[in-house]
Protein backbone atom coordinates (compact mmCIF):
# COMPACT_ATOMS: atom_id res chain seq x y z
CA UNK A 1 4.98 -14.52 27.52
CA UNK A 2 8.23 -14.83 25.61
CA UNK A 3 9.40 -11.75 23.77
CA UNK A 4 9.31 -12.02 19.98
CA UNK A 5 12.95 -11.87 18.94
CA UNK A 6 12.29 -12.40 15.22
CA UNK A 7 14.34 -10.04 13.11
CA UNK A 8 12.15 -7.53 11.31
CA UNK A 9 13.43 -6.54 7.89
CA UNK A 10 11.93 -4.55 5.03
CA UNK A 11 13.27 -5.31 1.59
CA UNK A 12 12.49 -3.59 -1.69
CA UNK A 13 10.48 -5.50 -4.26
CA UNK A 14 13.45 -5.36 -6.65
CA UNK A 15 16.79 -4.56 -4.98
CA UNK A 16 18.62 -4.74 -8.31
CA UNK A 17 16.43 -2.07 -9.86
CA UNK A 18 16.17 -4.03 -13.13
CA UNK A 19 12.54 -5.08 -13.06
CA UNK A 20 11.02 -1.87 -14.42
CA UNK A 21 13.56 0.34 -16.14
CA UNK A 22 12.43 3.80 -17.06
CA UNK A 23 12.99 7.49 -16.39
CA UNK A 24 10.31 7.67 -13.69
CA UNK A 25 12.01 4.97 -11.69
CA UNK A 26 15.37 6.66 -11.22
CA UNK A 27 18.55 4.90 -10.25
CA UNK A 28 19.19 3.28 -6.89
CA UNK A 29 22.37 4.40 -5.19
CA UNK A 30 23.14 1.28 -3.17
CA UNK A 31 22.38 2.91 0.18
CA UNK A 32 23.17 1.10 3.38
CA UNK A 33 20.29 -0.30 5.40
CA UNK A 34 18.41 1.97 7.81
CA UNK A 35 17.35 1.34 11.39
CA UNK A 36 13.91 2.60 12.40
CA UNK A 37 11.59 2.19 15.39
CA UNK A 38 14.51 2.62 17.81
CA UNK A 39 16.51 -0.02 15.98
CA UNK A 40 13.81 -2.70 16.04
CA UNK A 41 13.09 -2.46 12.30
CA UNK A 42 15.70 -2.79 9.57
CA UNK A 43 15.08 -1.34 6.10
CA UNK A 44 17.21 -2.87 3.39
CA UNK A 45 17.76 -0.92 0.14
CA UNK A 46 15.80 2.16 1.33
CA UNK A 47 16.62 3.97 -1.91
CA UNK A 48 14.94 1.26 -3.96
CA UNK A 49 11.95 1.14 -1.63
CA UNK A 50 11.43 4.87 -2.21
CA UNK A 51 11.84 4.58 -5.97
CA UNK A 52 9.40 1.68 -6.10
CA UNK A 53 6.87 3.88 -4.35
CA UNK A 54 7.42 6.93 -6.56
CA UNK A 55 7.08 4.94 -9.79
CA UNK A 56 3.49 5.58 -10.88
CA UNK A 57 3.45 2.27 -12.76
CA UNK A 58 3.45 0.39 -9.48
CA UNK A 59 -0.01 1.66 -8.53
CA UNK A 60 0.68 3.28 -5.16
CA UNK A 61 -1.18 6.38 -3.98
CA UNK A 62 1.55 8.71 -5.24
CA UNK A 63 0.95 11.17 -6.82
CA UNK A 64 -2.86 11.25 -6.41
CA UNK A 65 -3.00 11.92 -2.67
CA UNK A 66 0.19 13.96 -2.64
CA UNK A 67 -0.71 16.42 -5.37
CA UNK A 68 -4.42 16.87 -4.66
CA UNK A 69 -5.27 20.58 -4.52
CA UNK A 70 -8.20 21.83 -2.52
CA UNK A 71 -7.84 25.42 -1.30
CA UNK A 72 -4.03 25.67 -1.44
CA UNK A 73 -3.71 26.63 2.23
CA UNK A 74 -3.56 25.00 5.65
CA UNK A 75 -7.25 25.73 6.25
CA UNK A 76 -9.41 22.60 6.15
CA UNK A 77 -12.26 22.50 3.64
CA UNK A 78 -14.74 19.79 2.67
CA UNK A 79 -12.47 18.52 -0.11
CA UNK A 80 -9.77 17.70 2.43
CA UNK A 81 -12.16 15.39 4.25
CA UNK A 82 -12.37 13.20 1.12
CA UNK A 83 -8.60 13.02 0.56
CA UNK A 84 -8.15 9.82 2.65
CA UNK A 85 -9.95 7.90 -0.09
CA UNK A 86 -6.87 8.42 -2.29
CA UNK A 87 -4.70 6.64 0.25
CA UNK A 88 -6.83 3.64 1.09
CA UNK A 89 -9.32 4.90 3.68
CA UNK A 90 -13.00 4.50 2.87
CA UNK A 91 -15.13 7.63 3.30
CA UNK A 92 -18.85 7.04 2.90
CA UNK A 93 -21.70 9.48 3.52
CA UNK A 94 -21.80 8.73 7.23
CA UNK A 95 -18.08 9.16 7.78
CA UNK A 96 -18.03 12.34 5.75
CA UNK A 97 -20.85 13.77 7.87
CA UNK A 98 -18.98 12.76 11.03
CA UNK A 99 -15.77 14.44 9.82
CA UNK A 100 -17.72 17.62 9.14
CA UNK A 101 -19.02 17.42 12.71
CA UNK A 102 -15.41 17.13 13.94
CA UNK A 103 -14.21 19.96 11.72
CA UNK A 104 -14.19 22.70 14.42
CA UNK A 105 -11.68 20.64 16.43
CA UNK A 106 -9.59 19.55 13.43
CA UNK A 107 -9.29 23.08 12.05
CA UNK A 108 -6.59 23.77 14.64
CA UNK A 109 -4.14 22.05 12.26
CA UNK A 110 -3.79 25.42 10.52
CA UNK A 111 -2.42 26.90 13.76
CA UNK A 112 0.42 24.39 14.15
CA UNK A 113 3.89 25.94 14.06
CA UNK A 114 5.87 25.78 10.82
CA UNK A 115 8.42 23.28 12.08
CA UNK A 116 9.51 19.88 10.88
CA UNK A 117 8.96 16.81 13.01
CA UNK A 118 12.66 16.08 13.34
CA UNK A 119 13.16 19.57 14.80
CA UNK A 120 10.02 19.68 16.90
CA UNK A 121 10.23 20.03 20.67
CA UNK A 122 7.96 18.29 23.16
CA UNK A 123 5.43 21.13 23.10
CA UNK A 124 5.10 20.82 19.31
CA UNK A 125 4.56 17.08 19.65
CA UNK A 126 1.83 17.66 22.23
CA UNK A 127 0.14 20.14 19.88
CA UNK A 128 0.01 17.49 17.14
CA UNK A 129 -1.23 14.82 19.54
CA UNK A 130 -3.89 17.19 20.82
CA UNK A 131 -5.57 17.20 17.41
CA UNK A 132 -6.37 13.51 17.92
CA UNK A 133 -7.99 14.16 21.29
CA UNK A 134 -11.36 14.54 19.56
CA UNK A 135 -11.29 10.75 19.04
CA UNK A 136 -11.21 10.21 22.81
CA UNK A 137 -14.63 11.79 23.29
CA UNK A 138 -17.27 9.11 24.03
CA UNK A 139 -19.68 10.52 21.46
CA UNK A 140 -17.33 9.48 18.64
CA UNK A 141 -16.51 5.99 19.91
CA UNK A 142 -17.35 3.18 17.50
CA UNK A 143 -18.69 5.43 14.76
CA UNK A 144 -16.15 4.63 12.05
CA UNK A 145 -13.66 7.49 12.42
CA UNK A 146 -10.33 6.66 14.06
CA UNK A 147 -6.71 7.78 13.90
CA UNK A 148 -6.08 6.45 10.39
CA UNK A 149 -8.66 8.71 8.73
CA UNK A 150 -7.94 11.74 10.91
CA UNK A 151 -4.20 11.52 10.25
CA UNK A 152 -4.75 11.30 6.50
CA UNK A 153 -6.94 14.41 6.64
CA UNK A 154 -4.47 16.41 8.74
CA UNK A 155 -1.22 15.24 7.13
CA UNK A 156 -1.81 17.06 3.85
CA UNK A 157 -2.10 20.37 5.67
CA UNK A 158 1.07 20.03 7.74
CA UNK A 159 3.00 17.25 5.96
CA UNK A 160 6.31 18.07 7.63
CA UNK A 161 4.90 17.85 11.16
CA UNK A 162 1.78 15.63 11.27
CA UNK A 163 2.59 12.00 10.43
CA UNK A 164 0.33 9.54 8.67
CA UNK A 165 -0.89 6.71 10.86
CA UNK A 166 -2.45 3.38 9.97
CA UNK A 167 -2.26 -0.30 10.90
CA UNK A 168 1.16 -0.65 9.25
CA UNK A 169 2.56 2.14 11.39
CA UNK A 170 1.00 0.55 14.44
CA UNK A 171 2.59 -2.82 13.64
CA UNK A 172 5.98 -1.22 13.05
CA UNK A 173 6.19 1.00 16.12
CA UNK A 174 4.44 -1.11 18.75
CA UNK A 175 5.56 -4.44 20.22
CA UNK A 176 7.86 -5.92 19.12
CA UNK A 177 8.64 -2.32 18.23
CA UNK A 178 9.61 0.31 20.73
CA UNK A 179 6.15 1.45 21.97
CA UNK A 180 4.43 -0.97 24.39
CA UNK A 181 0.92 -1.98 23.43
CA UNK A 182 -1.93 -1.04 25.74
CA UNK A 183 -5.70 -1.36 25.60
CA UNK A 184 -6.54 1.65 27.77
CA UNK A 185 -4.33 4.29 26.15
CA UNK A 186 -6.00 7.37 24.70
CA UNK A 187 -5.49 8.46 21.09
CA UNK A 188 -3.87 11.67 22.28
CA UNK A 189 -1.36 9.81 24.44
CA UNK A 190 -0.56 7.27 21.72
CA UNK A 191 0.05 9.91 19.06
CA UNK A 192 2.38 11.77 21.42
CA UNK A 193 4.43 8.58 21.87
CA UNK A 194 4.39 7.87 18.13
CA UNK A 195 5.45 11.37 17.08
CA UNK A 196 8.24 11.37 19.65
CA UNK A 197 9.65 8.09 18.39
CA UNK A 198 9.38 9.13 14.75
CA UNK A 199 11.23 12.31 15.64
CA UNK A 200 14.01 10.24 17.22
CA UNK A 201 14.23 8.03 14.11
CA UNK A 202 14.49 11.03 11.83
CA UNK A 203 17.25 12.53 13.91
CA UNK A 204 19.18 9.26 14.16
CA UNK A 205 19.02 8.65 10.39
CA UNK A 206 19.33 12.26 9.25
CA UNK A 207 22.13 11.63 6.69
CA UNK A 208 20.17 8.78 5.11
CA UNK A 209 17.03 10.89 4.83
CA UNK A 210 19.03 13.68 3.18
CA UNK A 211 20.32 11.18 0.62
CA UNK A 212 16.79 9.96 -0.05
CA UNK A 213 15.61 13.52 -0.55
CA UNK A 214 18.27 14.06 -3.21
CA UNK A 215 17.41 10.75 -4.84
CA UNK A 216 13.74 11.71 -5.09
CA UNK A 217 14.65 15.08 -6.60
CA UNK A 218 16.88 13.39 -9.18
CA UNK A 219 13.97 11.09 -10.05
CA UNK A 220 11.74 14.11 -10.72
CA UNK A 221 9.57 13.79 -7.60
CA UNK A 222 9.19 16.84 -5.32
CA UNK A 223 9.76 14.85 -2.15
CA UNK A 224 11.93 15.91 0.70
CA UNK A 225 13.49 13.48 3.08
CA UNK A 226 11.06 14.33 5.83
CA UNK A 227 8.07 13.58 3.68
CA UNK A 228 9.36 10.42 2.21
CA UNK A 229 9.36 8.80 5.58
CA UNK A 230 5.78 9.06 6.70
CA UNK A 231 4.29 7.75 3.59
CA UNK A 232 6.53 6.26 1.06
CA UNK A 233 7.56 3.60 3.47
CA UNK A 234 3.99 3.77 4.43
CA UNK A 235 2.35 0.55 3.26
CA UNK A 236 4.04 -0.15 -0.04
CA UNK A 237 0.54 -1.08 -0.96
CA UNK A 238 -1.81 0.64 -3.39
CA UNK A 239 -2.77 3.17 -0.76
CA UNK A 240 0.56 4.49 0.44
CA UNK A 241 1.58 8.01 -0.21
CA UNK A 242 3.82 10.82 0.65
CA UNK A 243 1.75 13.88 1.09
CA UNK A 244 1.89 17.33 -0.37
CA UNK A 245 0.20 20.29 1.21
CA UNK A 246 -1.75 21.90 -1.57
CA UNK A 247 0.74 20.69 -4.16
CA UNK A 248 3.78 22.07 -2.35
CA UNK A 249 6.95 19.97 -2.05
CA UNK A 250 6.89 17.31 0.60
CA UNK A 251 8.52 18.14 3.87
CA UNK A 252 12.09 17.25 4.80
CA UNK A 253 13.39 13.88 5.90
CA UNK A 254 10.92 12.46 8.36
CA UNK A 255 8.51 10.83 5.99
CA UNK A 256 10.88 8.22 4.73
CA UNK A 257 10.91 6.73 8.18
CA UNK A 258 7.20 6.28 8.23
CA UNK A 259 6.98 5.04 4.71
CA UNK A 260 9.60 2.49 5.50
CA UNK A 261 7.87 1.63 8.72
CA UNK A 262 4.49 1.33 7.07
CA UNK A 263 5.87 -1.08 4.51
CA UNK A 264 6.51 -3.62 7.23
CA UNK A 265 5.43 -7.09 6.29
CA UNK A 266 2.85 -9.17 8.11
CA UNK A 267 5.44 -11.94 8.10
CA UNK A 268 8.69 -10.69 9.69
CA UNK A 269 11.83 -10.87 7.60
CA UNK A 270 10.17 -11.07 4.20
CA UNK A 271 9.19 -8.77 1.38
CA UNK A 272 6.80 -8.57 -0.32
CA UNK A 273 4.26 -9.42 2.39
CA UNK A 274 2.59 -12.80 2.22
CA UNK A 275 -0.17 -12.87 -0.37
CA UNK A 276 0.98 -9.62 -1.97
CA UNK A 277 2.84 -9.58 -5.30
CA UNK A 278 6.11 -7.78 -5.85
CA UNK A 279 6.09 -4.46 -7.70
CA UNK A 280 5.02 -4.85 -11.30
CA UNK A 281 3.40 -8.26 -10.72
CA UNK A 282 -0.26 -9.09 -10.89
CA UNK A 283 -1.94 -11.06 -8.16
CA UNK A 284 -2.83 -14.50 -9.56
CA UNK A 285 -6.52 -15.28 -9.58
CA UNK A 286 -7.62 -17.89 -7.06
CA UNK A 287 -10.08 -20.42 -8.46
CA UNK A 288 -12.44 -22.19 -6.10
CA UNK A 289 -11.56 -25.49 -7.79
CA UNK A 290 -7.98 -25.08 -6.48
CA UNK A 291 -9.15 -24.94 -2.86
CA UNK A 292 -9.38 -27.97 -0.57
CA UNK A 293 -12.75 -29.71 -0.60
CA UNK A 294 -13.73 -28.49 2.87
CA UNK A 295 -13.04 -24.87 1.93
CA UNK A 296 -15.03 -25.24 -1.31
CA UNK A 297 -18.03 -26.52 0.65
CA UNK A 298 -17.69 -23.68 3.17
CA UNK A 299 -17.51 -21.14 0.34
CA UNK A 300 -20.58 -22.63 -1.34
CA UNK A 301 -22.56 -22.52 1.91
CA UNK A 302 -21.60 -18.90 2.41
CA UNK A 303 -22.78 -17.96 -1.07
CA UNK A 304 -26.05 -19.81 -0.49
CA UNK A 305 -26.66 -17.87 2.72
CA UNK A 306 -26.00 -14.60 0.88
CA UNK A 307 -28.56 -15.51 -1.80
CA UNK A 308 -31.16 -16.37 0.84
CA UNK A 309 -30.53 -13.09 2.65
CA UNK A 310 -31.22 -10.99 -0.42
CA UNK A 311 -34.65 -9.34 -0.46
CA UNK A 312 -36.92 -10.84 -3.08
CA UNK A 313 -38.78 -8.69 -5.51
CA UNK A 314 -42.56 -9.09 -5.36
CA UNK A 315 -44.10 -10.80 -8.37
CA UNK A 316 -46.26 -8.64 -10.54
């Protein structure tokens, strides 16, 4: 199979910064592009990407997920298990019950050392990855809880060390990114690889992350460079977020890398992603009359099947 050599680039929705003027938006500084995922992903205008995310008018998860207060400490409580809903992960009754069942294993997040990911050694990385080992137990396979939800529960408690993970992160850091894809890799092993590579990115782009931290502070957002990476570049979708631990300032420099990585488009080299409007734009409504005839017929048949599947009320 030929290797995908397509250039992967993330661009801000509005590089000029003129689309939505206002005090909450801040002023872009014209930063140079950043290289993430071991140089396989280029982020153009990273300052504007961050400001787009921090602007509450754009509808991202900031500040809801970031500033949620539960118990104000690193100890997990029931409220923390619902926090992923503020960043795009669905938690229903069954998933909530399953998270409570996992709680004894996840509570170890409070015992993680007070270090930042960019300064973590291999033992620290293994401690973070070990928290995801609960997902490798057969009893939890296929029951609706995976790394995305677990990471969004844990991240708020140790935002400077535990990264957020989701499909955007996976797309950014695996092939054609730096981490090979595999079908038989455990969650614990994968998170160790992911944290190690994020750590390398943060170290390689340390000056850029420091500049982003200052930019966020000037814009009135308590975000440090570490925190801006894991979430603000996160999806650049409604459910992205940097994360605060109990309302405390976001951790230093590493989160920008993730946020940038998570904003990767489904179509390489373009931003915004296909089918997704730029910041400040509404998605145009799609009318069935505008679809090709074959698709209209398929849509009508699908709706008919749904009506037939509905239980009928007995006549009185």
